[in-house]
């Protein structure tokens, strides 16, 4: 395949597509994780027991290198939650009428966190200024949908109190709750009109 053919295959998936998760994944089926099923040797599963396709986002990609003899591709992709790179590689190859496997994977960014902002342990010990190098809780959770609450609700949140569903404005998934000063009070999951705390982060001040 030429570089242009490989790029055209990548282009097919930009914008998102229905992706089937790999059998070795953390997805559930009938209360079991698929990687547990696979490790138990149940690899030849009937069609109705395989992971179901889910829509995933592929925002952009960049191909850095391509060897037209070995067909090895070095690339980066910007993707959304729940995206399996192993499956993507297989899907690209399938589109080209071939098979492929993922040789290595390096995650360079997840939400606010990226490798270019990372500092190794030795550097922290050498510089001895942990506070200045630390990321605040507010920064670390800034990618989450946010609900700002008034003082009365903030006090309720600080004690893990039950909240009215309407304050989440149809937010689904992980959400952080902050007070009027943007201090993070709690993180939890909002789903189908219910909110479940994952962690309460101290008293409101």
N, C-alpha and C. Protein backbone atom coordinates (compact mmCIF):
# COMPACT_ATOMS: atom_id res chain seq x y z
N UNK A 1 0.84 -1.20 0.00
CA UNK A 1 0.00 0.00 0.00
C UNK A 1 0.87 1.25 0.00
N UNK A 2 0.43 2.28 -0.68
CA UNK A 2 1.15 3.55 -0.68
C UNK A 2 0.74 4.37 0.54
N UNK A 3 1.51 5.41 0.82
CA UNK A 3 1.16 6.31 1.92
C UNK A 3 -0.22 6.93 1.68
N UNK A 4 -0.52 7.29 0.44
CA UNK A 4 -1.83 7.88 0.14
C UNK A 4 -2.97 6.92 0.44
N UNK A 5 -2.78 5.65 0.14
CA UNK A 5 -3.82 4.65 0.42
C UNK A 5 -4.03 4.50 1.92
N UNK A 6 -2.94 4.51 2.67
CA UNK A 6 -3.05 4.41 4.13
C UNK A 6 -3.77 5.63 4.69
N UNK A 7 -3.43 6.81 4.19
CA UNK A 7 -4.09 8.04 4.65
C UNK A 7 -5.58 8.01 4.34
N UNK A 8 -5.92 7.54 3.15
CA UNK A 8 -7.34 7.46 2.80
C UNK A 8 -8.08 6.49 3.71
N UNK A 9 -7.42 5.42 4.11
CA UNK A 9 -8.04 4.47 5.04
C UNK A 9 -8.26 5.12 6.40
N UNK A 10 -7.29 5.91 6.87
CA UNK A 10 -7.45 6.64 8.13
C UNK A 10 -8.61 7.64 8.01
N UNK A 11 -8.68 8.31 6.86
CA UNK A 11 -9.71 9.35 6.67
C UNK A 11 -11.12 8.80 6.83
N UNK A 12 -11.31 7.55 6.48
CA UNK A 12 -12.64 6.93 6.57
C UNK A 12 -13.20 7.02 7.98
N UNK A 13 -12.33 6.97 8.99
CA UNK A 13 -12.77 6.87 10.38
C UNK A 13 -12.78 8.22 11.11
N UNK A 14 -12.27 9.27 10.46
CA UNK A 14 -12.26 10.59 11.09
C UNK A 14 -13.69 11.10 11.25
N UNK A 15 -14.00 11.61 12.43
CA UNK A 15 -15.35 12.06 12.74
C UNK A 15 -16.09 11.07 13.62
N UNK A 16 -15.60 9.82 13.64
CA UNK A 16 -16.20 8.81 14.50
C UNK A 16 -16.82 7.68 13.71
N UNK A 17 -16.96 6.55 14.39
CA UNK A 17 -17.55 5.37 13.73
C UNK A 17 -17.96 4.35 14.78
N UNK A 18 -18.70 3.34 14.35
CA UNK A 18 -19.10 2.25 15.24
C UNK A 18 -17.94 1.27 15.36
N UNK A 19 -17.40 1.17 16.56
CA UNK A 19 -16.22 0.33 16.80
C UNK A 19 -16.58 -0.84 17.71
N UNK A 20 -16.12 -2.03 17.34
CA UNK A 20 -16.31 -3.20 18.20
C UNK A 20 -15.11 -3.33 19.13
N UNK A 21 -15.33 -3.26 20.45
CA UNK A 21 -14.21 -3.39 21.39
C UNK A 21 -13.54 -4.76 21.26
N UNK A 22 -12.25 -4.85 21.58
CA UNK A 22 -11.57 -6.15 21.54
C UNK A 22 -12.10 -7.07 22.63
N UNK A 23 -11.92 -8.37 22.44
CA UNK A 23 -12.38 -9.33 23.44
C UNK A 23 -11.66 -9.12 24.76
N UNK A 24 -10.36 -8.79 24.70
CA UNK A 24 -9.63 -8.45 25.92
C UNK A 24 -9.88 -6.99 26.24
N UNK A 25 -11.03 -6.71 26.85
CA UNK A 25 -11.39 -5.35 27.23
C UNK A 25 -12.16 -5.40 28.54
N UNK A 26 -12.37 -4.21 29.12
CA UNK A 26 -13.07 -4.13 30.41
C UNK A 26 -14.58 -4.02 30.25
N UNK A 27 -15.08 -4.12 29.02
CA UNK A 27 -16.52 -4.08 28.80
C UNK A 27 -17.20 -5.27 29.47
N UNK A 28 -18.48 -5.08 29.83
CA UNK A 28 -19.23 -6.11 30.54
C UNK A 28 -20.21 -6.84 29.61
N UNK A 29 -20.46 -8.09 29.95
CA UNK A 29 -21.53 -8.86 29.32
C UNK A 29 -22.08 -9.82 30.36
N UNK A 30 -23.37 -9.64 30.70
CA UNK A 30 -24.01 -10.50 31.71
C UNK A 30 -23.22 -10.53 33.02
N UNK A 31 -22.73 -9.35 33.41
CA UNK A 31 -22.04 -9.24 34.70
C UNK A 31 -20.58 -9.65 34.69
N UNK A 32 -20.07 -10.09 33.54
CA UNK A 32 -18.66 -10.50 33.44
C UNK A 32 -17.90 -9.54 32.54
N UNK A 33 -16.63 -9.26 32.91
CA UNK A 33 -15.77 -8.47 32.04
C UNK A 33 -15.23 -9.38 30.93
N UNK A 34 -15.13 -8.82 29.73
CA UNK A 34 -14.70 -9.63 28.60
C UNK A 34 -13.29 -10.18 28.77
N UNK A 35 -12.40 -9.43 29.44
CA UNK A 35 -11.05 -9.98 29.60
C UNK A 35 -11.04 -11.18 30.54
N UNK A 36 -12.00 -11.23 31.48
CA UNK A 36 -12.11 -12.41 32.34
C UNK A 36 -12.63 -13.61 31.54
N UNK A 37 -13.58 -13.34 30.64
CA UNK A 37 -14.11 -14.41 29.79
C UNK A 37 -13.00 -14.96 28.89
N UNK A 38 -12.21 -14.04 28.31
CA UNK A 38 -11.13 -14.46 27.41
C UNK A 38 -10.05 -15.24 28.15
N UNK A 39 -9.71 -14.79 29.35
CA UNK A 39 -8.67 -15.48 30.12
C UNK A 39 -9.12 -16.86 30.57
N UNK A 40 -10.43 -17.04 30.66
CA UNK A 40 -10.95 -18.35 31.04
C UNK A 40 -10.95 -19.32 29.86
N UNK A 41 -10.50 -18.84 28.71
CA UNK A 41 -10.39 -19.70 27.54
C UNK A 41 -11.62 -19.74 26.68
N UNK A 42 -12.58 -18.84 26.96
CA UNK A 42 -13.81 -18.83 26.19
C UNK A 42 -13.65 -17.91 24.98
N UNK A 43 -12.71 -18.23 24.10
CA UNK A 43 -12.41 -17.35 22.97
C UNK A 43 -13.39 -17.53 21.81
N UNK A 44 -13.93 -18.74 21.65
CA UNK A 44 -14.86 -19.00 20.56
C UNK A 44 -16.28 -18.75 21.04
N UNK A 45 -16.60 -17.48 21.22
CA UNK A 45 -17.90 -17.11 21.76
C UNK A 45 -18.94 -17.03 20.65
N UNK A 46 -20.20 -17.36 20.96
CA UNK A 46 -21.26 -17.17 19.97
C UNK A 46 -21.44 -15.69 19.68
N UNK A 47 -22.06 -15.39 18.55
CA UNK A 47 -22.20 -14.01 18.09
C UNK A 47 -22.86 -13.11 19.13
N UNK A 48 -23.87 -13.65 19.84
CA UNK A 48 -24.61 -12.83 20.80
C UNK A 48 -23.84 -12.60 22.10
N UNK A 49 -22.66 -13.19 22.24
CA UNK A 49 -21.85 -12.98 23.44
C UNK A 49 -20.64 -12.08 23.18
N UNK A 50 -20.45 -11.65 21.94
CA UNK A 50 -19.31 -10.79 21.61
C UNK A 50 -19.61 -9.35 22.02
N UNK A 51 -18.56 -8.53 22.23
CA UNK A 51 -18.79 -7.12 22.57
C UNK A 51 -19.61 -6.43 21.48
N UNK A 52 -20.52 -5.57 21.90
CA UNK A 52 -21.36 -4.86 20.94
C UNK A 52 -20.66 -3.60 20.45
N UNK A 53 -20.80 -3.27 19.16
CA UNK A 53 -20.18 -2.05 18.63
C UNK A 53 -20.71 -0.81 19.35
N UNK A 54 -19.84 0.16 19.55
CA UNK A 54 -20.21 1.43 20.17
C UNK A 54 -19.62 2.57 19.36
N UNK A 55 -20.35 3.69 19.30
CA UNK A 55 -19.84 4.84 18.55
C UNK A 55 -18.71 5.49 19.33
N UNK A 56 -17.58 5.71 18.65
CA UNK A 56 -16.42 6.36 19.26
C UNK A 56 -15.98 7.52 18.38
N UNK A 57 -15.32 8.49 19.00
CA UNK A 57 -14.88 9.69 18.29
C UNK A 57 -13.41 9.60 17.91
N UNK A 58 -13.12 9.89 16.66
CA UNK A 58 -11.75 10.09 16.18
C UNK A 58 -11.69 11.50 15.61
N UNK A 59 -11.06 12.40 16.36
CA UNK A 59 -11.07 13.82 15.99
C UNK A 59 -10.03 14.15 14.92
N UNK A 60 -8.86 13.56 15.05
CA UNK A 60 -7.78 13.90 14.12
C UNK A 60 -6.69 12.83 14.20
N UNK A 61 -5.82 12.82 13.21
CA UNK A 61 -4.69 11.90 13.22
C UNK A 61 -3.50 12.54 12.52
N UNK A 62 -2.33 11.99 12.75
CA UNK A 62 -1.13 12.42 12.05
C UNK A 62 -0.24 11.20 11.82
N UNK A 63 0.17 10.99 10.60
CA UNK A 63 1.09 9.90 10.28
C UNK A 63 2.51 10.46 10.18
N UNK A 64 3.39 9.95 11.03
CA UNK A 64 4.76 10.45 11.07
C UNK A 64 5.69 9.67 10.15
N UNK A 65 5.43 8.38 10.02
CA UNK A 65 6.34 7.56 9.22
C UNK A 65 5.58 6.33 8.70
N UNK A 66 5.93 5.91 7.50
CA UNK A 66 5.33 4.71 6.92
C UNK A 66 6.38 3.97 6.10
N UNK A 67 6.53 2.69 6.37
CA UNK A 67 7.46 1.83 5.64
C UNK A 67 6.65 0.97 4.67
N UNK A 68 6.78 1.26 3.38
CA UNK A 68 5.94 0.54 2.42
C UNK A 68 6.39 -0.90 2.17
N UNK A 69 7.51 -1.30 2.78
CA UNK A 69 7.95 -2.70 2.67
C UNK A 69 7.39 -3.54 3.81
N UNK A 70 7.49 -3.03 5.02
CA UNK A 70 6.97 -3.77 6.19
C UNK A 70 5.55 -3.36 6.53
N UNK A 71 5.09 -2.25 5.95
CA UNK A 71 3.76 -1.68 6.21
C UNK A 71 3.61 -1.23 7.67
N UNK A 72 4.71 -0.89 8.31
CA UNK A 72 4.64 -0.33 9.67
C UNK A 72 4.30 1.15 9.58
N UNK A 73 3.36 1.57 10.43
CA UNK A 73 2.91 2.97 10.44
C UNK A 73 3.15 3.55 11.83
N UNK A 74 3.80 4.71 11.88
CA UNK A 74 3.96 5.45 13.13
C UNK A 74 3.00 6.62 13.07
N UNK A 75 2.05 6.67 13.99
CA UNK A 75 1.01 7.70 13.91
C UNK A 75 0.56 8.14 15.30
N UNK A 76 -0.11 9.28 15.33
CA UNK A 76 -0.77 9.74 16.55
C UNK A 76 -2.23 10.00 16.22
N UNK A 77 -3.09 9.82 17.21
CA UNK A 77 -4.52 10.08 17.01
C UNK A 77 -5.08 10.83 18.22
N UNK A 78 -6.06 11.67 17.95
CA UNK A 78 -6.78 12.40 18.99
C UNK A 78 -8.18 11.80 19.05
N UNK A 79 -8.49 11.15 20.16
CA UNK A 79 -9.73 10.37 20.22
C UNK A 79 -10.53 10.71 21.47
N UNK A 80 -11.78 10.24 21.48
CA UNK A 80 -12.65 10.44 22.62
C UNK A 80 -12.64 9.24 23.56
N UNK A 81 -13.49 9.33 24.55
CA UNK A 81 -13.57 8.29 25.58
C UNK A 81 -14.06 6.97 24.99
N UNK A 82 -13.50 5.87 25.49
CA UNK A 82 -13.95 4.55 25.08
C UNK A 82 -13.38 4.06 23.77
N UNK A 83 -12.38 4.77 23.25
CA UNK A 83 -11.77 4.41 21.96
C UNK A 83 -10.69 3.36 22.19
N UNK A 84 -10.75 2.27 21.43
CA UNK A 84 -9.73 1.21 21.52
C UNK A 84 -8.81 1.29 20.31
N UNK A 85 -7.55 1.64 20.55
CA UNK A 85 -6.59 1.78 19.46
C UNK A 85 -6.34 0.44 18.78
N UNK A 86 -6.31 -0.64 19.56
CA UNK A 86 -6.12 -1.98 18.97
C UNK A 86 -7.19 -2.28 17.93
N UNK A 87 -8.42 -1.96 18.27
CA UNK A 87 -9.51 -2.20 17.32
C UNK A 87 -9.40 -1.29 16.11
N UNK A 88 -8.98 -0.05 16.35
CA UNK A 88 -8.83 0.90 15.24
C UNK A 88 -7.81 0.40 14.22
N UNK A 89 -6.68 -0.10 14.71
CA UNK A 89 -5.64 -0.62 13.82
C UNK A 89 -6.20 -1.77 12.97
N UNK A 90 -6.95 -2.66 13.60
CA UNK A 90 -7.56 -3.77 12.87
C UNK A 90 -8.59 -3.27 11.86
N UNK A 91 -9.33 -2.22 12.23
CA UNK A 91 -10.35 -1.68 11.33
C UNK A 91 -9.73 -1.02 10.10
N UNK A 92 -8.63 -0.28 10.31
CA UNK A 92 -7.93 0.34 9.18
C UNK A 92 -7.42 -0.74 8.22
N UNK A 93 -6.79 -1.78 8.80
CA UNK A 93 -6.28 -2.87 7.97
C UNK A 93 -7.41 -3.57 7.22
N UNK A 94 -8.52 -3.78 7.90
CA UNK A 94 -9.66 -4.45 7.26
C UNK A 94 -10.17 -3.62 6.07
N UNK A 95 -10.17 -2.30 6.25
CA UNK A 95 -10.59 -1.42 5.15
C UNK A 95 -9.66 -1.55 3.95
N UNK A 96 -8.40 -1.85 4.23
CA UNK A 96 -7.41 -2.04 3.16
C UNK A 96 -7.41 -3.47 2.62
N UNK A 97 -8.27 -4.32 3.20
CA UNK A 97 -8.33 -5.71 2.77
C UNK A 97 -7.23 -6.56 3.33
N UNK A 98 -6.78 -6.22 4.54
CA UNK A 98 -5.64 -6.92 5.13
C UNK A 98 -5.87 -7.10 6.62
N UNK A 99 -4.85 -7.57 7.33
CA UNK A 99 -4.88 -7.68 8.79
C UNK A 99 -3.69 -6.93 9.36
N UNK A 100 -3.79 -6.55 10.64
CA UNK A 100 -2.69 -5.81 11.28
C UNK A 100 -2.79 -5.99 12.78
N UNK A 101 -1.71 -5.64 13.45
CA UNK A 101 -1.69 -5.68 14.91
C UNK A 101 -0.98 -4.43 15.43
N UNK A 102 -1.26 -4.08 16.66
CA UNK A 102 -0.63 -2.91 17.29
C UNK A 102 0.67 -3.34 17.95
N UNK A 103 1.78 -2.73 17.54
CA UNK A 103 3.09 -3.10 18.09
C UNK A 103 3.37 -2.41 19.41
N UNK A 104 3.00 -1.14 19.53
CA UNK A 104 3.23 -0.40 20.77
C UNK A 104 2.24 0.75 20.86
N UNK A 105 2.01 1.18 22.08
CA UNK A 105 1.05 2.25 22.32
C UNK A 105 1.56 3.15 23.44
N UNK A 106 1.50 4.44 23.22
CA UNK A 106 1.92 5.41 24.24
C UNK A 106 0.87 6.49 24.35
N UNK A 107 0.27 6.60 25.51
CA UNK A 107 -0.72 7.65 25.73
C UNK A 107 0.01 8.94 26.12
N UNK A 108 -0.17 9.99 25.35
CA UNK A 108 0.56 11.23 25.61
C UNK A 108 -0.31 12.29 26.27
N UNK A 109 -1.62 12.07 26.28
CA UNK A 109 -2.51 13.04 26.92
C UNK A 109 -3.81 12.37 27.32
N UNK A 110 -4.30 12.72 28.51
CA UNK A 110 -5.61 12.26 28.98
C UNK A 110 -6.25 13.41 29.74
N UNK A 111 -7.25 14.05 29.12
CA UNK A 111 -7.87 15.20 29.76
C UNK A 111 -6.87 16.34 29.91
N UNK A 112 -6.73 16.84 31.13
CA UNK A 112 -5.81 17.95 31.41
C UNK A 112 -4.36 17.49 31.39
N UNK A 113 -4.13 16.21 31.65
CA UNK A 113 -2.78 15.70 31.87
C UNK A 113 -2.10 15.32 30.55
N UNK A 114 -0.85 15.73 30.40
CA UNK A 114 -0.08 15.39 29.20
C UNK A 114 1.38 15.17 29.58
N UNK A 115 2.08 14.40 28.75
CA UNK A 115 3.47 14.07 29.04
C UNK A 115 4.37 15.30 29.03
N UNK A 116 4.03 16.31 28.22
CA UNK A 116 4.89 17.49 28.17
C UNK A 116 4.81 18.33 29.45
N UNK A 117 3.80 18.03 30.29
CA UNK A 117 3.70 18.71 31.58
C UNK A 117 4.18 17.82 32.73
N UNK A 118 4.58 16.61 32.40
CA UNK A 118 4.96 15.64 33.44
C UNK A 118 6.38 15.89 33.92
N UNK A 119 6.62 15.53 35.19
CA UNK A 119 7.95 15.65 35.81
C UNK A 119 8.24 14.33 36.51
N UNK A 120 9.43 13.79 36.29
CA UNK A 120 9.74 12.52 36.95
C UNK A 120 10.10 12.71 38.42
N UNK A 121 10.07 11.64 39.17
CA UNK A 121 10.28 11.69 40.61
C UNK A 121 11.64 12.28 40.97
N UNK A 122 12.67 11.90 40.23
CA UNK A 122 14.02 12.41 40.51
C UNK A 122 14.08 13.92 40.40
N UNK A 123 13.39 14.48 39.41
CA UNK A 123 13.39 15.94 39.24
C UNK A 123 12.70 16.63 40.40
N UNK A 124 11.60 16.04 40.88
CA UNK A 124 10.88 16.62 42.01
C UNK A 124 11.77 16.64 43.24
N UNK A 125 12.44 15.52 43.50
CA UNK A 125 13.32 15.44 44.67
C UNK A 125 14.47 16.43 44.56
N UNK A 126 15.01 16.59 43.35
CA UNK A 126 16.14 17.50 43.16
C UNK A 126 15.73 18.95 43.34
N UNK A 127 14.55 19.31 42.86
CA UNK A 127 14.10 20.71 42.93
C UNK A 127 13.48 21.04 44.28
N UNK A 128 12.92 20.03 44.93
CA UNK A 128 12.43 20.21 46.29
C UNK A 128 11.31 21.21 46.46
N UNK A 129 10.52 21.44 45.42
CA UNK A 129 9.43 22.42 45.52
C UNK A 129 8.14 21.76 45.03
N UNK A 130 7.66 20.81 45.80
CA UNK A 130 6.51 20.01 45.38
C UNK A 130 5.26 20.87 45.20
N UNK A 131 5.04 21.82 46.09
CA UNK A 131 3.83 22.65 46.02
C UNK A 131 3.76 23.40 44.69
N UNK A 132 4.87 23.99 44.28
CA UNK A 132 4.87 24.78 43.05
C UNK A 132 4.70 23.91 41.81
N UNK A 133 5.16 22.68 41.90
CA UNK A 133 5.08 21.76 40.76
C UNK A 133 3.74 21.03 40.69
N UNK A 134 2.97 21.09 41.75
CA UNK A 134 1.71 20.34 41.81
C UNK A 134 0.62 21.02 40.99
N UNK A 135 -0.31 20.22 40.52
CA UNK A 135 -1.49 20.71 39.83
C UNK A 135 -2.63 20.79 40.83
N UNK A 136 -3.33 21.90 40.85
CA UNK A 136 -4.44 22.04 41.79
C UNK A 136 -5.58 21.10 41.42
N UNK A 137 -6.40 20.79 42.39
CA UNK A 137 -7.56 19.92 42.16
C UNK A 137 -8.50 20.56 41.13
N UNK A 138 -8.61 21.88 41.19
CA UNK A 138 -9.48 22.59 40.25
C UNK A 138 -8.98 22.43 38.82
N UNK A 139 -7.66 22.53 38.62
CA UNK A 139 -7.08 22.33 37.29
C UNK A 139 -7.22 20.88 36.84
N UNK A 140 -6.94 19.97 37.75
CA UNK A 140 -6.92 18.54 37.41
C UNK A 140 -8.30 18.03 36.99
N UNK A 141 -9.35 18.68 37.48
CA UNK A 141 -10.71 18.22 37.17
C UNK A 141 -11.43 19.16 36.20
N UNK A 142 -10.69 20.09 35.61
CA UNK A 142 -11.31 21.14 34.79
C UNK A 142 -12.01 20.60 33.54
N UNK A 143 -11.65 19.38 33.11
CA UNK A 143 -12.27 18.83 31.90
C UNK A 143 -13.66 18.26 32.17
N UNK A 144 -14.03 18.11 33.43
CA UNK A 144 -15.33 17.52 33.77
C UNK A 144 -16.45 18.55 33.67
N UNK A 145 -17.65 18.12 33.27
CA UNK A 145 -18.80 19.02 33.36
C UNK A 145 -18.94 19.52 34.79
N UNK A 146 -19.32 20.79 34.95
CA UNK A 146 -19.29 21.42 36.27
C UNK A 146 -20.66 21.95 36.66
N UNK A 147 -21.04 21.71 37.90
CA UNK A 147 -22.26 22.27 38.48
C UNK A 147 -21.85 23.18 39.63
N UNK A 148 -22.24 24.45 39.55
CA UNK A 148 -21.95 25.42 40.61
C UNK A 148 -23.17 25.49 41.53
N UNK A 149 -22.94 25.33 42.83
CA UNK A 149 -24.05 25.30 43.78
C UNK A 149 -23.97 26.48 44.74
N UNK A 150 -25.13 26.84 45.30
CA UNK A 150 -25.17 27.93 46.28
C UNK A 150 -24.69 27.45 47.65
N UNK A 151 -24.64 28.35 48.61
CA UNK A 151 -24.07 28.02 49.92
C UNK A 151 -24.82 26.90 50.62
N UNK A 152 -26.15 26.94 50.56
CA UNK A 152 -26.94 25.90 51.24
C UNK A 152 -26.67 24.52 50.64
N UNK A 153 -26.67 24.45 49.32
CA UNK A 153 -26.41 23.17 48.66
C UNK A 153 -24.97 22.73 48.87
N UNK A 154 -24.05 23.70 48.92
CA UNK A 154 -22.64 23.37 49.14
C UNK A 154 -22.45 22.68 50.49
N UNK A 155 -23.15 23.16 51.50
CA UNK A 155 -23.05 22.52 52.82
C UNK A 155 -23.61 21.10 52.77
N UNK A 156 -24.68 20.92 52.01
CA UNK A 156 -25.27 19.59 51.87
C UNK A 156 -24.29 18.65 51.15
N UNK A 157 -23.66 19.16 50.10
CA UNK A 157 -22.70 18.36 49.33
C UNK A 157 -21.52 17.95 50.20
N UNK A 158 -21.03 18.86 51.04
CA UNK A 158 -19.86 18.57 51.88
C UNK A 158 -20.11 17.45 52.86
N UNK A 159 -21.39 17.13 53.09
CA UNK A 159 -21.74 16.01 53.97
C UNK A 159 -22.31 14.82 53.19
N UNK A 160 -22.19 14.88 51.86
CA UNK A 160 -22.67 13.77 51.04
C UNK A 160 -24.18 13.68 50.97
N UNK A 161 -24.85 14.83 51.12
CA UNK A 161 -26.31 14.84 51.13
C UNK A 161 -26.92 14.60 49.76
N UNK A 162 -28.16 14.11 49.75
CA UNK A 162 -28.86 13.83 48.50
C UNK A 162 -29.20 15.13 47.79
N UNK A 163 -29.04 15.14 46.47
CA UNK A 163 -29.24 16.35 45.69
C UNK A 163 -30.41 16.21 44.72
N UNK A 164 -31.02 17.35 44.38
CA UNK A 164 -32.11 17.35 43.41
C UNK A 164 -31.55 17.11 42.01
N UNK A 165 -32.25 16.29 41.27
CA UNK A 165 -31.76 15.92 39.93
C UNK A 165 -31.71 17.11 38.99
N UNK A 166 -32.61 18.10 39.18
CA UNK A 166 -32.70 19.19 38.21
C UNK A 166 -31.48 20.11 38.20
N UNK A 167 -30.63 20.04 39.22
CA UNK A 167 -29.45 20.92 39.21
C UNK A 167 -28.39 20.45 38.21
N UNK A 168 -28.54 19.24 37.69
CA UNK A 168 -27.53 18.72 36.78
C UNK A 168 -27.83 19.00 35.31
N UNK A 169 -29.00 19.60 35.03
CA UNK A 169 -29.33 20.04 33.68
C UNK A 169 -29.04 18.99 32.60
N UNK A 170 -29.50 17.79 32.85
CA UNK A 170 -29.38 16.69 31.89
C UNK A 170 -27.94 16.26 31.61
N UNK A 171 -27.01 16.60 32.51
CA UNK A 171 -25.64 16.11 32.38
C UNK A 171 -25.64 14.61 32.63
N UNK A 172 -24.94 13.86 31.79
CA UNK A 172 -24.83 12.42 31.96
C UNK A 172 -23.36 12.04 32.05
N UNK A 173 -23.01 11.26 33.06
CA UNK A 173 -21.62 10.84 33.24
C UNK A 173 -20.97 11.54 34.41
N UNK A 174 -19.65 11.55 34.42
CA UNK A 174 -18.91 12.16 35.51
C UNK A 174 -19.15 13.67 35.55
N UNK A 175 -19.27 14.20 36.76
CA UNK A 175 -19.51 15.63 36.95
C UNK A 175 -18.84 16.06 38.25
N UNK A 176 -18.36 17.29 38.28
CA UNK A 176 -17.82 17.83 39.53
C UNK A 176 -18.75 18.91 40.05
N UNK A 177 -18.82 19.02 41.36
CA UNK A 177 -19.65 20.05 41.99
C UNK A 177 -18.72 21.04 42.67
N UNK A 178 -18.90 22.32 42.36
CA UNK A 178 -18.04 23.37 42.94
C UNK A 178 -18.91 24.41 43.63
N UNK A 179 -18.29 25.13 44.60
CA UNK A 179 -19.02 26.23 45.24
C UNK A 179 -18.81 27.52 44.45
N UNK A 180 -19.33 28.62 44.96
CA UNK A 180 -19.28 29.89 44.22
C UNK A 180 -17.86 30.41 44.05
N UNK A 181 -16.92 29.88 44.85
CA UNK A 181 -15.51 30.27 44.74
C UNK A 181 -14.72 29.30 43.86
N UNK A 182 -15.43 28.41 43.17
CA UNK A 182 -14.83 27.41 42.27
C UNK A 182 -14.01 26.36 43.02
N UNK A 183 -14.30 26.17 44.28
CA UNK A 183 -13.63 25.10 45.03
C UNK A 183 -14.38 23.79 44.78
N UNK A 184 -13.64 22.75 44.42
CA UNK A 184 -14.27 21.45 44.14
C UNK A 184 -14.72 20.81 45.44
N UNK A 185 -16.01 20.50 45.52
CA UNK A 185 -16.57 19.89 46.72
C UNK A 185 -16.75 18.38 46.58
N UNK A 186 -17.07 17.94 45.39
CA UNK A 186 -17.33 16.51 45.19
C UNK A 186 -17.26 16.16 43.71
N UNK A 187 -17.05 14.88 43.46
CA UNK A 187 -17.08 14.34 42.10
C UNK A 187 -17.97 13.10 42.13
N UNK A 188 -18.80 12.97 41.13
CA UNK A 188 -19.69 11.81 41.09
C UNK A 188 -20.20 11.56 39.69
N UNK A 189 -21.21 10.72 39.60
CA UNK A 189 -21.79 10.36 38.31
C UNK A 189 -23.27 10.72 38.29
N UNK A 190 -23.67 11.45 37.27
CA UNK A 190 -25.07 11.79 37.06
C UNK A 190 -25.62 10.93 35.94
N UNK A 191 -26.71 10.22 36.25
CA UNK A 191 -27.26 9.32 35.24
C UNK A 191 -28.75 9.12 35.48
N UNK A 192 -29.52 9.39 34.44
CA UNK A 192 -30.98 9.16 34.45
C UNK A 192 -31.64 9.79 35.67
N UNK A 193 -31.29 11.05 35.93
CA UNK A 193 -31.93 11.78 37.01
C UNK A 193 -31.43 11.47 38.40
N UNK A 194 -30.38 10.68 38.51
CA UNK A 194 -29.81 10.34 39.81
C UNK A 194 -28.34 10.73 39.86
N UNK A 195 -27.89 11.12 41.06
CA UNK A 195 -26.48 11.47 41.24
C UNK A 195 -25.89 10.57 42.32
N UNK A 196 -24.74 9.96 41.98
CA UNK A 196 -24.04 9.10 42.93
C UNK A 196 -22.66 9.67 43.17
N UNK A 197 -22.34 9.91 44.46
CA UNK A 197 -21.03 10.44 44.81
C UNK A 197 -19.93 9.39 44.56
N UNK A 198 -18.83 9.83 43.96
CA UNK A 198 -17.62 9.02 43.93
C UNK A 198 -16.69 9.40 45.07
N UNK A 199 -16.60 10.71 45.30
CA UNK A 199 -15.76 11.20 46.39
C UNK A 199 -16.26 12.57 46.83
N UNK A 200 -16.29 12.77 48.14
CA UNK A 200 -16.57 14.07 48.74
C UNK A 200 -15.25 14.62 49.25
N UNK A 201 -14.93 15.84 48.84
CA UNK A 201 -13.58 16.36 49.04
C UNK A 201 -13.47 17.37 50.17
N UNK A 202 -14.17 17.14 51.25
CA UNK A 202 -14.00 17.99 52.43
C UNK A 202 -15.12 18.98 52.61
N UNK A 203 -15.01 19.76 53.68
CA UNK A 203 -16.04 20.73 54.03
C UNK A 203 -16.00 21.95 53.13
N UNK A 204 -17.17 22.55 52.93
CA UNK A 204 -17.26 23.80 52.19
C UNK A 204 -16.70 24.91 53.05
N UNK A 205 -15.90 25.80 52.43
CA UNK A 205 -15.31 26.93 53.16
C UNK A 205 -15.60 28.22 52.44
